[in-house]
């Protein structure tokens, strides 16, 4: 099994799957393994969920890059058969990002940050590099730096749903619930099936004392198939 086959295997799909199938598989995997589902479980399960989520995120990002690259085969070549300077810059940036993802998946956050930084130095509009560097800063608990990177990713790609979700989580961690809710709401506007955005927003509404909005988010998560939300509502005798 080569590297790209391994990434497809992580998502449980075959090489050659469509971009839609890749995104569906990613969403299903995150639904199963997102660490928030294991918040009340033992430490072993939480660490397993965190590791699995990192692996799924890495596989998803690399497969998408692979698909984009596959659709551009033959583009960027000079008349002599080599690659022009612009293409070489893009390839160098991609190489740094892919290596950075590898460091990130192993928990080597400083090395990952260095590679993502090199990528944006080579390609200043590399959205994913900012997003993944933000994730690394987040995991180092450097929340302000992480917020800056997620914000830059959003500036470059206004519908980057994961950047909104992750930035919202950091606003929550910093105690700014209103900003957190605003970011999660934007994530839901972009992707109405983003289960975890409903879940974290429901908890934020509860924290603000808005039980009606909190319950609406619990119900929506349950309708989307989120089993913890379904169990929570069942215990309360609430239909969704």
Foldseek 3Di string as FASTA:
>chain_A
DDDLQVLCVLLPHGPPDDLVVLVVSLLVQCLVQVLVVCPPPDPVSSVVSVLSNLSSVLSSVVVVVVVVCVVQPPPQADPVRHHDPLVVLQVQLVVLQNVLSVCVSVVNLVSSLVSLVVSCVSPVLPLVSLQVNLVSCVVVVVLVSSLVSLVSSCVSPVLPLVSLQVNLVSCVVVVNLVSSLVSLVSSCVSPVLNLVSLVVNLVSCVVVVNNVSSVVSLQSSVVSPNVVSVVVCVVVVHDD
